[in-house]
Amino acid sequence: MTDAAAPVPPARYAGAAPAPVAAGDAGPSAPPPGPRGSVVGGLVRAVRPRQWVKNALVLAAPLAAGRIADVEVLGPTLLAFVLFCLVSGAVYLVNDVIDVEEDRRHPRKRLRPIAAGTVPRPVAVVVAVVLATVALTAAVLLTRPALAWVLATYVVVQLAYCLGLKNQAVLDLAVVASGFLLRAVAGGVAAGLPLSQWFLLVASFGSLFMVAGKRYSELVLVGDAAQTRRTLQEYSASYLRFVWGLSAGVACTAYSLWAFEMGETRPGIPWATLSIAPFVLGVLRYAVDVDKGTAGAPEEIVLRDRTLLALGLVWAATVGAGVFGG
């Protein structure tokens, strides 16, 4: 799925990985042994609240427009964040129901609440439908109907991914990248802000860069690619390096064009133009982690790499001065 747990590193990176559970050891539908916990606690873990940090991308468009502090913008944007948490949680539940047998053969995914038997599959499906329905209804009633279309598009595309597109080479990269793009679009749509062509290009190719890097890390770290993700059989390391290199180049170019355009419209110090340096350096620093094969979980890399965090803070300060300083 779009936000699946990073594969377990092999011995040459972080110690020997536990052997996957063979299908014949416990039967194709038998959950792993051990304590299961409560259904409610399992549901909380199954919607993966740690992954909700990705939904902060809804703030991107209002921030780029310099309107995030406006009450009429901030309110709908925060609501869009909450609604995206609901629909993404629904998608995670459905994904885990569909992939329950594969997850039970995976050394780490077998511990997910549905695969482990903590949450019954019918319960997960019902909760997923409720979460998606509440999110779409709230989008129509509390913000703008256009946000409901964005959320519905996200759900439909991600369900198509779960049901088959995840096994289609190249399409799987595009679908996962579209999840990040739709998050970025949602903030602007919820607040009624126009989305610039540069913003859409940076969001699109920046997302593809991260997804290709994630797949590259999985390919490097997992000995038998077919055991974890079927499309990895279709990719070579050189192809994925080409994809994330091309994506990074387009994202940096589009960002630079936006920054130059912004700098020309603001008097004084061209902060937006200066922000190009930390942006490009941040991409290059992230590429170091990708090249090592340690970018399987992008949100963890960003929080763990202090140099990358420092570059992110410098970038945020300079682009903030460029956007809000005028």
C-alpha atoms as a PDB file:
ATOM      1  CA  MET A   1       0.000   0.000   0.000  1.00  0.00           C
ATOM      2  CA  THR A   2       0.980   3.534  -0.244  1.00  0.00           C
ATOM      3  CA  ASP A   3       2.367   3.815   3.231  1.00  0.00           C
ATOM      4  CA  ALA A   4       3.439   0.286   3.967  1.00  0.00           C
ATOM      5  CA  ALA A   5       6.001  -0.299   6.647  1.00  0.00           C
ATOM      6  CA  ALA A   6       9.598  -0.210   5.462  1.00  0.00           C
ATOM      7  CA  PRO A   7      11.084  -3.634   4.716  1.00  0.00           C
ATOM      8  CA  VAL A   8      13.336  -5.220   7.297  1.00  0.00           C
ATOM      9  CA  PRO A   9      17.020  -4.495   6.558  1.00  0.00           C
ATOM     10  CA  PRO A  10      19.265  -7.455   5.793  1.00  0.00           C
ATOM     11  CA  ALA A  11      22.357  -8.392   7.732  1.00  0.00           C
ATOM     12  CA  ARG A  12      24.648  -6.078   5.860  1.00  0.00           C
ATOM     13  CA  TYR A  13      22.745  -3.036   7.126  1.00  0.00           C
ATOM     14  CA  ALA A  14      21.161  -3.674  10.462  1.00  0.00           C
ATOM     15  CA  GLY A  15      21.585  -7.234  11.571  1.00  0.00           C
ATOM     16  CA  ALA A  16      19.977 -10.385  10.297  1.00  0.00           C
ATOM     17  CA  ALA A  17      16.332  -9.978   9.396  1.00  0.00           C
ATOM     18  CA  PRO A  18      13.832 -12.427  10.825  1.00  0.00           C
ATOM     19  CA  ALA A  19      12.808 -15.103   8.374  1.00  0.00           C
ATOM     20  CA  PRO A  20       9.363 -14.667   6.828  1.00  0.00           C
ATOM     21  CA  VAL A  21       6.650 -16.951   8.082  1.00  0.00           C
ATOM     22  CA  ALA A  22       6.101 -19.665   5.521  1.00  0.00           C
ATOM     23  CA  ALA A  23       2.587 -20.046   4.303  1.00  0.00           C
ATOM     24  CA  GLY A  24       2.493 -23.687   5.272  1.00  0.00           C
ATOM     25  CA  ASP A  25       3.630 -23.177   8.864  1.00  0.00           C
ATOM     26  CA  ALA A  26       0.453 -21.660  10.174  1.00  0.00           C
ATOM     27  CA  GLY A  27      -1.969 -22.143   7.316  1.00  0.00           C
ATOM     28  CA  PRO A  28      -2.982 -19.448   4.827  1.00  0.00           C
ATOM     29  CA  SER A  29      -5.571 -17.893   7.118  1.00  0.00           C
ATOM     30  CA  ALA A  30      -4.093 -18.418  10.564  1.00  0.00           C
ATOM     31  CA  PRO A  31      -2.965 -15.267  12.390  1.00  0.00           C
ATOM     32  CA  PRO A  32       0.415 -15.355  14.149  1.00  0.00           C
ATOM     33  CA  PRO A  33       0.367 -16.534  17.744  1.00  0.00           C
ATOM     34  CA  GLY A  34       0.652 -14.107  20.640  1.00  0.00           C
ATOM     35  CA  PRO A  35      -1.433 -11.573  22.574  1.00  0.00           C
ATOM     36  CA  ARG A  36      -3.932  -9.727  20.442  1.00  0.00           C
ATOM     37  CA  GLY A  37      -5.097  -6.822  22.605  1.00  0.00           C
ATOM     38  CA  SER A  38      -8.410  -5.005  22.245  1.00  0.00           C
ATOM     39  CA  VAL A  39     -10.279  -4.425  19.016  1.00  0.00           C
ATOM     40  CA  VAL A  40     -10.424  -0.669  19.643  1.00  0.00           C
ATOM     41  CA  GLY A  41      -6.686  -0.484  20.242  1.00  0.00           C
ATOM     42  CA  GLY A  42      -6.119  -2.563  17.131  1.00  0.00           C
ATOM     43  CA  LEU A  43      -8.291  -0.225  15.054  1.00  0.00           C
ATOM     44  CA  VAL A  44      -6.315   2.774  16.289  1.00  0.00           C
ATOM     45  CA  ARG A  45      -3.088   1.119  15.204  1.00  0.00           C
ATOM     46  CA  ALA A  46      -4.613  -0.096  11.924  1.00  0.00           C
ATOM     47  CA  VAL A  47      -5.415   3.441  10.730  1.00  0.00           C
ATOM     48  CA  ARG A  48      -1.707   4.222  11.240  1.00  0.00           C
ATOM     49  CA  PRO A  49      -1.710   7.582  13.017  1.00  0.00           C
ATOM     50  CA  ARG A  50       2.079   7.777  12.599  1.00  0.00           C
ATOM     51  CA  GLN A  51       1.484   8.151   8.859  1.00  0.00           C
ATOM     52  CA  TRP A  52      -0.768  11.161   9.343  1.00  0.00           C
ATOM     53  CA  VAL A  53       2.260  13.439   9.228  1.00  0.00           C
ATOM     54  CA  LYS A  54       1.999  13.060   5.445  1.00  0.00           C
ATOM     55  CA  ASN A  55      -1.375  14.773   5.559  1.00  0.00           C
ATOM     56  CA  ALA A  56       0.388  17.963   6.637  1.00  0.00           C
ATOM     57  CA  LEU A  57       0.950  18.453   2.902  1.00  0.00           C
ATOM     58  CA  VAL A  58      -2.501  20.064   2.850  1.00  0.00           C
ATOM     59  CA  LEU A  59      -0.781  23.119   4.352  1.00  0.00           C
ATOM     60  CA  ALA A  60       1.537  23.476   1.352  1.00  0.00           C
ATOM     61  CA  ALA A  61      -0.723  25.494  -0.971  1.00  0.00           C
ATOM     62  CA  PRO A  62      -1.888  28.024   1.681  1.00  0.00           C
ATOM     63  CA  LEU A  63       1.712  28.435   2.823  1.00  0.00           C
ATOM     64  CA  ALA A  64       2.986  28.964  -0.727  1.00  0.00           C
ATOM     65  CA  ALA A  65       0.257  31.559  -1.276  1.00  0.00           C
ATOM     66  CA  GLY A  66       1.140  33.352   1.976  1.00  0.00           C
ATOM     67  CA  ARG A  67      -2.458  32.998   3.186  1.00  0.00           C
ATOM     68  CA  ILE A  68      -2.127  30.393   5.937  1.00  0.00           C
ATOM     69  CA  ALA A  69      -2.635  33.007   8.688  1.00  0.00           C
ATOM     70  CA  ASP A  70      -5.997  34.125   7.252  1.00  0.00           C
ATOM     71  CA  VAL A  71      -8.850  32.760   9.339  1.00  0.00           C
ATOM     72  CA  GLU A  72     -10.973  31.985   6.278  1.00  0.00           C
ATOM     73  CA  VAL A  73      -8.060  29.935   4.912  1.00  0.00           C
ATOM     74  CA  LEU A  74      -6.673  28.321   8.061  1.00  0.00           C
ATOM     75  CA  GLY A  75      -9.990  26.856   9.195  1.00  0.00           C
ATOM     76  CA  PRO A  76     -10.829  24.951   5.979  1.00  0.00           C
ATOM     77  CA  THR A  77      -7.191  23.874   5.649  1.00  0.00           C
ATOM     78  CA  LEU A  78      -7.096  22.321   9.112  1.00  0.00           C
ATOM     79  CA  LEU A  79     -10.421  20.634   8.432  1.00  0.00           C
ATOM     80  CA  ALA A  80      -8.965  19.243   5.196  1.00  0.00           C
ATOM     81  CA  PHE A  81      -6.106  17.797   7.246  1.00  0.00           C
ATOM     82  CA  VAL A  82      -8.550  16.037   9.591  1.00  0.00           C
ATOM     83  CA  LEU A  83     -10.661  14.705   6.717  1.00  0.00           C
ATOM     84  CA  PHE A  84      -7.599  13.376   4.921  1.00  0.00           C
ATOM     85  CA  CYS A  85      -6.642  11.550   8.112  1.00  0.00           C
ATOM     86  CA  LEU A  86     -10.065   9.888   8.049  1.00  0.00           C
ATOM     87  CA  VAL A  87      -9.988   8.799   4.410  1.00  0.00           C
ATOM     88  CA  SER A  88      -6.360   7.665   4.549  1.00  0.00           C
ATOM     89  CA  GLY A  89      -7.208   5.622   7.638  1.00  0.00           C
ATOM     90  CA  ALA A  90     -10.115   4.048   5.736  1.00  0.00           C
ATOM     91  CA  VAL A  91      -7.805   3.147   2.867  1.00  0.00           C
ATOM     92  CA  TYR A  92      -5.265   1.566   5.224  1.00  0.00           C
ATOM     93  CA  LEU A  93      -8.001  -0.617   6.712  1.00  0.00           C
ATOM     94  CA  VAL A  94      -9.250  -1.811   3.327  1.00  0.00           C
ATOM     95  CA  ASN A  95      -5.686  -2.403   2.141  1.00  0.00           C
ATOM     96  CA  ASP A  96      -4.890  -4.571   5.150  1.00  0.00           C
ATOM     97  CA  VAL A  97      -8.087  -6.563   4.658  1.00  0.00           C
ATOM     98  CA  ILE A  98      -7.203  -7.258   1.019  1.00  0.00           C
ATOM     99  CA  ASP A  99      -3.553  -8.062   1.779  1.00  0.00           C
ATOM    100  CA  VAL A 100      -4.166 -10.061   4.965  1.00  0.00           C
ATOM    101  CA  GLU A 101      -2.759 -13.338   3.597  1.00  0.00           C
ATOM    102  CA  GLU A 102       0.366 -11.713   2.165  1.00  0.00           C
ATOM    103  CA  ASP A 103       0.873  -9.741   5.375  1.00  0.00           C
ATOM    104  CA  ARG A 104       0.791 -12.941   7.425  1.00  0.00           C
ATOM    105  CA  ARG A 105       3.775 -14.228   5.447  1.00  0.00           C
ATOM    106  CA  HIS A 106       5.758 -11.008   5.990  1.00  0.00           C
ATOM    107  CA  PRO A 107       8.151 -10.765   8.984  1.00  0.00           C
ATOM    108  CA  ARG A 108       6.820  -7.380  10.106  1.00  0.00           C
ATOM    109  CA  LYS A 109       3.457  -6.871   8.410  1.00  0.00           C
ATOM    110  CA  ARG A 110       2.143 -10.053  10.034  1.00  0.00           C
ATOM    111  CA  LEU A 111       2.012  -8.047  13.275  1.00  0.00           C
ATOM    112  CA  ARG A 112      -0.491  -5.571  11.853  1.00  0.00           C
ATOM    113  CA  PRO A 113      -3.795  -5.733  13.768  1.00  0.00           C
ATOM    114  CA  ILE A 114      -5.838  -7.288  10.964  1.00  0.00           C
ATOM    115  CA  ALA A 115      -3.178  -9.813   9.951  1.00  0.00           C
ATOM    116  CA  ALA A 116      -2.598 -10.676  13.610  1.00  0.00           C
ATOM    117  CA  GLY A 117      -6.296 -11.289  14.194  1.00  0.00           C
ATOM    118  CA  THR A 118      -6.761  -8.396  16.616  1.00  0.00           C
ATOM    119  CA  VAL A 119      -9.293  -6.706  14.339  1.00  0.00           C
ATOM    120  CA  PRO A 120     -11.786  -8.947  12.489  1.00  0.00           C
ATOM    121  CA  ARG A 121     -11.958  -8.216   8.777  1.00  0.00           C
ATOM    122  CA  PRO A 122     -15.717  -7.414   8.734  1.00  0.00           C
ATOM    123  CA  VAL A 123     -15.196  -4.881  11.530  1.00  0.00           C
ATOM    124  CA  ALA A 124     -12.351  -3.246   9.601  1.00  0.00           C
ATOM    125  CA  VAL A 125     -14.479  -2.936   6.461  1.00  0.00           C
ATOM    126  CA  VAL A 126     -17.410  -1.391   8.358  1.00  0.00           C
ATOM    127  CA  VAL A 127     -15.146   1.126  10.106  1.00  0.00           C
ATOM    128  CA  ALA A 128     -13.491   2.016   6.791  1.00  0.00           C
ATOM    129  CA  VAL A 129     -16.881   2.721   5.173  1.00  0.00           C
ATOM    130  CA  VAL A 130     -17.927   4.862   8.148  1.00  0.00           C
ATOM    131  CA  LEU A 131     -14.685   6.886   8.096  1.00  0.00           C
ATOM    132  CA  ALA A 132     -14.886   7.538   4.361  1.00  0.00           C
ATOM    133  CA  THR A 133     -18.579   8.461   4.518  1.00  0.00           C
ATOM    134  CA  VAL A 134     -18.060  10.873   7.413  1.00  0.00           C
ATOM    135  CA  ALA A 135     -15.128  12.519   5.640  1.00  0.00           C
ATOM    136  CA  LEU A 136     -16.933  13.013   2.332  1.00  0.00           C
ATOM    137  CA  THR A 137     -20.105  14.274   4.008  1.00  0.00           C
ATOM    138  CA  ALA A 138     -18.179  16.714   6.191  1.00  0.00           C
ATOM    139  CA  ALA A 139     -16.276  18.003   3.167  1.00  0.00           C
ATOM    140  CA  VAL A 140     -19.525  18.849   1.382  1.00  0.00           C
ATOM    141  CA  LEU A 141     -21.265  20.369   4.402  1.00  0.00           C
ATOM    142  CA  LEU A 142     -18.375  22.130   6.159  1.00  0.00           C
ATOM    143  CA  THR A 143     -16.001  23.239   3.386  1.00  0.00           C
ATOM    144  CA  ARG A 144     -16.350  23.209  -0.400  1.00  0.00           C
ATOM    145  CA  PRO A 145     -17.794  20.386  -2.516  1.00  0.00           C
ATOM    146  CA  ALA A 146     -14.567  20.455  -4.559  1.00  0.00           C
ATOM    147  CA  LEU A 147     -12.731  19.061  -1.526  1.00  0.00           C
ATOM    148  CA  ALA A 148     -15.131  16.114  -1.468  1.00  0.00           C
ATOM    149  CA  TRP A 149     -14.173  15.402  -5.083  1.00  0.00           C
ATOM    150  CA  VAL A 150     -10.490  15.450  -4.168  1.00  0.00           C
ATOM    151  CA  LEU A 151     -11.087  13.084  -1.253  1.00  0.00           C
ATOM    152  CA  ALA A 152     -13.261  10.799  -3.372  1.00  0.00           C
ATOM    153  CA  THR A 153     -10.619  10.734  -6.098  1.00  0.00           C
ATOM    154  CA  TYR A 154      -8.016   9.764  -3.504  1.00  0.00           C
ATOM    155  CA  VAL A 155     -10.190   6.921  -2.206  1.00  0.00           C
ATOM    156  CA  VAL A 156     -11.023   5.575  -5.683  1.00  0.00           C
ATOM    157  CA  VAL A 157      -7.414   5.708  -6.902  1.00  0.00           C
ATOM    158  CA  GLN A 158      -6.069   4.090  -3.736  1.00  0.00           C
ATOM    159  CA  LEU A 159      -8.694   1.340  -3.849  1.00  0.00           C
ATOM    160  CA  ALA A 160      -7.747   0.675  -7.477  1.00  0.00           C
ATOM    161  CA  TYR A 161      -4.155   0.433  -6.261  1.00  0.00           C
ATOM    162  CA  CYS A 162      -5.120  -2.105  -3.589  1.00  0.00           C
ATOM    163  CA  LEU A 163      -7.117  -4.193  -6.055  1.00  0.00           C
ATOM    164  CA  GLY A 164      -4.525  -4.452  -8.801  1.00  0.00           C
ATOM    165  CA  LEU A 165      -2.619  -1.336  -9.820  1.00  0.00           C
ATOM    166  CA  LYS A 166       0.021  -2.042  -7.173  1.00  0.00           C
ATOM    167  CA  ASN A 167       1.098  -4.966  -9.363  1.00  0.00           C
ATOM    168  CA  GLN A 168       1.469  -2.820 -12.503  1.00  0.00           C
ATOM    169  CA  ALA A 169       4.969  -1.453 -12.989  1.00  0.00           C
ATOM    170  CA  VAL A 170       5.211   2.342 -13.401  1.00  0.00           C
ATOM    171  CA  LEU A 171       1.496   2.742 -12.671  1.00  0.00           C
ATOM    172  CA  ASP A 172       2.166   1.840  -9.052  1.00  0.00           C
ATOM    173  CA  LEU A 173       4.707   4.670  -8.825  1.00  0.00           C
ATOM    174  CA  ALA A 174       2.241   7.123 -10.350  1.00  0.00           C
ATOM    175  CA  VAL A 175      -0.609   6.081  -8.056  1.00  0.00           C
ATOM    176  CA  VAL A 176       1.436   6.378  -4.876  1.00  0.00           C
ATOM    177  CA  ALA A 177       2.806   9.749  -6.012  1.00  0.00           C
ATOM    178  CA  SER A 178      -0.748  10.893  -6.737  1.00  0.00           C
ATOM    179  CA  GLY A 179      -1.598  10.340  -3.075  1.00  0.00           C
ATOM    180  CA  PHE A 180       0.947  12.978  -2.062  1.00  0.00           C
ATOM    181  CA  LEU A 181      -0.169  15.293  -4.875  1.00  0.00           C
ATOM    182  CA  LEU A 182      -3.839  15.080  -3.903  1.00  0.00           C
ATOM    183  CA  ARG A 183      -2.938  15.964  -0.322  1.00  0.00           C
ATOM    184  CA  ALA A 184      -1.165  19.084  -1.565  1.00  0.00           C
ATOM    185  CA  VAL A 185      -4.067  19.971  -3.843  1.00  0.00           C
ATOM    186  CA  ALA A 186      -6.625  19.458  -1.067  1.00  0.00           C
ATOM    187  CA  GLY A 187      -5.375  22.396   0.989  1.00  0.00           C
ATOM    188  CA  GLY A 188      -5.752  24.855  -1.863  1.00  0.00           C
ATOM    189  CA  VAL A 189      -9.141  23.472  -2.887  1.00  0.00           C
ATOM    190  CA  ALA A 190     -10.499  23.554   0.665  1.00  0.00           C
ATOM    191  CA  ALA A 191      -9.462  27.182   1.090  1.00  0.00           C
ATOM    192  CA  GLY A 192     -10.530  28.239  -2.404  1.00  0.00           C
ATOM    193  CA  LEU A 193      -7.000  29.206  -3.440  1.00  0.00           C
ATOM    194  CA  PRO A 194      -5.752  29.000  -7.034  1.00  0.00           C
ATOM    195  CA  LEU A 195      -2.934  26.488  -7.548  1.00  0.00           C
ATOM    196  CA  SER A 196      -0.001  27.687  -9.645  1.00  0.00           C
ATOM    197  CA  GLN A 197       1.543  25.524 -12.344  1.00  0.00           C
ATOM    198  CA  TRP A 198       4.878  25.622 -10.526  1.00  0.00           C
ATOM    199  CA  PHE A 199       3.297  24.397  -7.314  1.00  0.00           C
ATOM    200  CA  LEU A 200       1.663  21.461  -9.099  1.00  0.00           C
ATOM    201  CA  LEU A 201       4.919  20.549 -10.861  1.00  0.00           C
ATOM    202  CA  VAL A 202       6.958  20.637  -7.665  1.00  0.00           C
ATOM    203  CA  ALA A 203       4.340  18.632  -5.788  1.00  0.00           C
ATOM    204  CA  SER A 204       3.996  16.067  -8.587  1.00  0.00           C
ATOM    205  CA  PHE A 205       7.660  15.387  -9.276  1.00  0.00           C
ATOM    206  CA  GLY A 206       8.690  15.809  -5.657  1.00  0.00           C
ATOM    207  CA  SER A 207       6.203  13.063  -4.813  1.00  0.00           C
ATOM    208  CA  LEU A 208       7.505  10.835  -7.602  1.00  0.00           C
ATOM    209  CA  PHE A 209      11.051  11.395  -6.348  1.00  0.00           C
ATOM    210  CA  MET A 210      10.119  10.188  -2.865  1.00  0.00           C
ATOM    211  CA  VAL A 211       8.155   7.188  -4.153  1.00  0.00           C
ATOM    212  CA  ALA A 212      10.917   6.046  -6.522  1.00  0.00           C
ATOM    213  CA  GLY A 213      13.391   6.441  -3.659  1.00  0.00           C
ATOM    214  CA  LYS A 214      11.174   4.320  -1.435  1.00  0.00           C
ATOM    215  CA  ARG A 215      10.992   1.568  -4.047  1.00  0.00           C
ATOM    216  CA  TYR A 216      14.752   1.748  -4.594  1.00  0.00           C
ATOM    217  CA  SER A 217      15.329   1.291  -0.864  1.00  0.00           C
ATOM    218  CA  GLU A 218      12.998  -1.701  -0.820  1.00  0.00           C
ATOM    219  CA  LEU A 219      14.839  -3.225  -3.774  1.00  0.00           C
ATOM    220  CA  VAL A 220      18.227  -2.719  -2.111  1.00  0.00           C
ATOM    221  CA  LEU A 221      17.244  -3.912   1.353  1.00  0.00           C
ATOM    222  CA  VAL A 222      15.036  -6.899   0.568  1.00  0.00           C
ATOM    223  CA  GLY A 223      16.772 -10.030  -0.647  1.00  0.00           C
ATOM    224  CA  ASP A 224      13.771 -11.571  -2.438  1.00  0.00           C
ATOM    225  CA  ALA A 225      11.786  -8.697  -3.920  1.00  0.00           C
ATOM    226  CA  ALA A 226       8.887 -10.914  -4.943  1.00  0.00           C
ATOM    227  CA  GLN A 227       8.163 -11.731  -1.303  1.00  0.00           C
ATOM    228  CA  THR A 228       7.261  -8.141  -0.441  1.00  0.00           C
ATOM    229  CA  ARG A 229       6.197  -6.287  -3.585  1.00  0.00           C
ATOM    230  CA  ARG A 230       5.547  -7.921  -6.941  1.00  0.00           C
ATOM    231  CA  THR A 231       6.398  -4.888  -9.062  1.00  0.00           C
ATOM    232  CA  LEU A 232       9.947  -4.887  -7.715  1.00  0.00           C
ATOM    233  CA  GLN A 233      10.535  -7.806 -10.072  1.00  0.00           C
ATOM    234  CA  GLU A 234       9.947  -5.372 -12.931  1.00  0.00           C
ATOM    235  CA  TYR A 235      12.360  -2.722 -11.701  1.00  0.00           C
ATOM    236  CA  SER A 236      16.124  -2.652 -11.750  1.00  0.00           C
ATOM    237  CA  ALA A 237      18.166  -0.488  -9.412  1.00  0.00           C
ATOM    238  CA  SER A 238      19.411   1.551 -12.379  1.00  0.00           C
ATOM    239  CA  TYR A 239      15.845   2.219 -13.579  1.00  0.00           C
ATOM    240  CA  LEU A 240      14.661   3.433 -10.194  1.00  0.00           C
ATOM    241  CA  ARG A 241      17.778   5.601  -9.882  1.00  0.00           C
ATOM    242  CA  PHE A 242      16.889   7.094 -13.260  1.00  0.00           C
ATOM    243  CA  VAL A 243      13.308   7.802 -12.126  1.00  0.00           C
ATOM    244  CA  TRP A 244      14.243   9.513  -8.875  1.00  0.00           C
ATOM    245  CA  GLY A 245      17.071  11.412 -10.583  1.00  0.00           C
ATOM    246  CA  LEU A 246      14.753  12.683 -13.320  1.00  0.00           C
ATOM    247  CA  SER A 247      12.043  13.550 -10.801  1.00  0.00           C
ATOM    248  CA  ALA A 248      14.448  15.441  -8.570  1.00  0.00           C
ATOM    249  CA  GLY A 249      15.721  17.423 -11.554  1.00  0.00           C
ATOM    250  CA  VAL A 250      12.241  18.464 -12.682  1.00  0.00           C
ATOM    251  CA  ALA A 251      11.170  19.328  -9.119  1.00  0.00           C
ATOM    252  CA  CYS A 252      14.257  21.494  -8.546  1.00  0.00           C
ATOM    253  CA  THR A 253      13.826  23.231 -11.902  1.00  0.00           C
ATOM    254  CA  ALA A 254      10.145  23.980 -11.304  1.00  0.00           C
ATOM    255  CA  TYR A 255      10.868  25.219  -7.788  1.00  0.00           C
ATOM    256  CA  SER A 256      13.632  27.489  -9.089  1.00  0.00           C
ATOM    257  CA  LEU A 257      11.324  28.991 -11.712  1.00  0.00           C
ATOM    258  CA  TRP A 258       8.703  29.655  -9.020  1.00  0.00           C
ATOM    259  CA  ALA A 259      11.333  31.229  -6.750  1.00  0.00           C
ATOM    260  CA  PHE A 260      12.685  33.484  -9.497  1.00  0.00           C
ATOM    261  CA  GLU A 261       9.177  34.579 -10.370  1.00  0.00           C
ATOM    262  CA  MET A 262       8.396  35.268  -6.714  1.00  0.00           C
ATOM    263  CA  GLY A 263      11.649  37.199  -6.273  1.00  0.00           C
ATOM    264  CA  GLU A 264      10.801  39.520  -9.142  1.00  0.00           C
ATOM    265  CA  THR A 265       7.491  40.514  -7.553  1.00  0.00           C
ATOM    266  CA  ARG A 266       8.831  41.255  -4.051  1.00  0.00           C
ATOM    267  CA  PRO A 267      11.055  44.254  -3.266  1.00  0.00           C
ATOM    268  CA  GLY A 268      14.150  44.051  -1.099  1.00  0.00           C
ATOM    269  CA  ILE A 269      16.144  40.907  -0.397  1.00  0.00           C
ATOM    270  CA  PRO A 270      15.155  38.090  -2.810  1.00  0.00           C
ATOM    271  CA  TRP A 271      14.455  35.564  -0.064  1.00  0.00           C
ATOM    272  CA  ALA A 272      12.468  33.266  -2.332  1.00  0.00           C
ATOM    273  CA  THR A 273      15.389  33.099  -4.738  1.00  0.00           C
ATOM    274  CA  LEU A 274      17.800  32.405  -1.880  1.00  0.00           C
ATOM    275  CA  SER A 275      15.579  29.536  -0.764  1.00  0.00           C
ATOM    276  CA  ILE A 276      16.631  27.614  -3.872  1.00  0.00           C
ATOM    277  CA  ALA A 277      19.942  26.706  -2.227  1.00  0.00           C
ATOM    278  CA  PRO A 278      18.565  24.936   0.880  1.00  0.00           C
ATOM    279  CA  PHE A 279      15.831  23.341  -1.245  1.00  0.00           C
ATOM    280  CA  VAL A 280      18.302  21.771  -3.666  1.00  0.00           C
ATOM    281  CA  LEU A 281      20.695  20.818  -0.860  1.00  0.00           C
ATOM    282  CA  GLY A 282      17.803  19.186   0.992  1.00  0.00           C
ATOM    283  CA  VAL A 283      16.928  17.129  -2.087  1.00  0.00           C
ATOM    284  CA  LEU A 284      20.566  16.106  -2.472  1.00  0.00           C
ATOM    285  CA  ARG A 285      20.809  15.189   1.211  1.00  0.00           C
ATOM    286  CA  TYR A 286      17.663  13.076   0.974  1.00  0.00           C
ATOM    287  CA  ALA A 287      19.157  11.433  -2.125  1.00  0.00           C
ATOM    288  CA  VAL A 288      22.067  10.286   0.059  1.00  0.00           C
ATOM    289  CA  ASP A 289      19.610   8.284   2.165  1.00  0.00           C
ATOM    290  CA  VAL A 290      17.924   6.985  -0.980  1.00  0.00           C
ATOM    291  CA  ASP A 291      21.240   5.846  -2.415  1.00  0.00           C
ATOM    292  CA  LYS A 292      22.062   3.996   0.804  1.00  0.00           C
ATOM    293  CA  GLY A 293      18.758   2.183   0.610  1.00  0.00           C
ATOM    294  CA  THR A 294      17.506   3.686   3.863  1.00  0.00           C
ATOM    295  CA  ALA A 295      14.584   5.741   2.511  1.00  0.00           C
ATOM    296  CA  GLY A 296      11.936   3.038   2.877  1.00  0.00           C
ATOM    297  CA  ALA A 297       9.976   5.223   5.315  1.00  0.00           C
ATOM    298  CA  PRO A 298      10.367   8.862   4.160  1.00  0.00           C
ATOM    299  CA  GLU A 299       8.761  10.375   7.261  1.00  0.00           C
ATOM    300  CA  GLU A 300      11.259   8.550   9.499  1.00  0.00           C
ATOM    301  CA  ILE A 301      14.228   9.681   7.411  1.00  0.00           C
ATOM    302  CA  VAL A 302      13.157  13.310   7.608  1.00  0.00           C
ATOM    303  CA  LEU A 303      12.787  13.174  11.387  1.00  0.00           C
ATOM    304  CA  ARG A 304      15.976  11.191  12.005  1.00  0.00           C
ATOM    305  CA  ASP A 305      18.438  13.026   9.737  1.00  0.00           C
ATOM    306  CA  ARG A 306      19.497  16.133  11.672  1.00  0.00           C
ATOM    307  CA  THR A 307      21.323  17.655   8.725  1.00  0.00           C
ATOM    308  CA  LEU A 308      18.233  17.262   6.586  1.00  0.00           C
ATOM    309  CA  LEU A 309      16.145  18.802   9.356  1.00  0.00           C
ATOM    310  CA  ALA A 310      18.519  21.765   9.587  1.00  0.00           C
ATOM    311  CA  LEU A 311      18.337  22.297   5.830  1.00  0.00           C
ATOM    312  CA  GLY A 312      14.559  22.102   6.065  1.00  0.00           C
ATOM    313  CA  LEU A 313      14.487  24.789   8.749  1.00  0.00           C
ATOM    314  CA  VAL A 314      16.741  27.079   6.707  1.00  0.00           C
ATOM    315  CA  TRP A 315      14.560  26.504   3.665  1.00  0.00           C
ATOM    316  CA  ALA A 316      11.385  27.197   5.656  1.00  0.00           C
ATOM    317  CA  ALA A 317      12.872  30.421   7.048  1.00  0.00           C
ATOM    318  CA  THR A 318      14.005  31.736   3.653  1.00  0.00           C
ATOM    319  CA  VAL A 319      10.895  30.789   1.721  1.00  0.00           C
ATOM    320  CA  GLY A 320       8.755  32.108   4.575  1.00  0.00           C
ATOM    321  CA  ALA A 321      10.559  35.430   4.437  1.00  0.00           C
ATOM    322  CA  GLY A 322      10.012  35.506   0.684  1.00  0.00           C
ATOM    323  CA  VAL A 323       6.311  34.670   0.847  1.00  0.00           C
ATOM    324  CA  PHE A 324       5.288  36.634   3.926  1.00  0.00           C
ATOM    325  CA  GLY A 325       7.905  39.387   3.835  1.00  0.00           C
ATOM    326  CA  GLY A 326       6.372  41.152   0.877  1.00  0.00           C
END
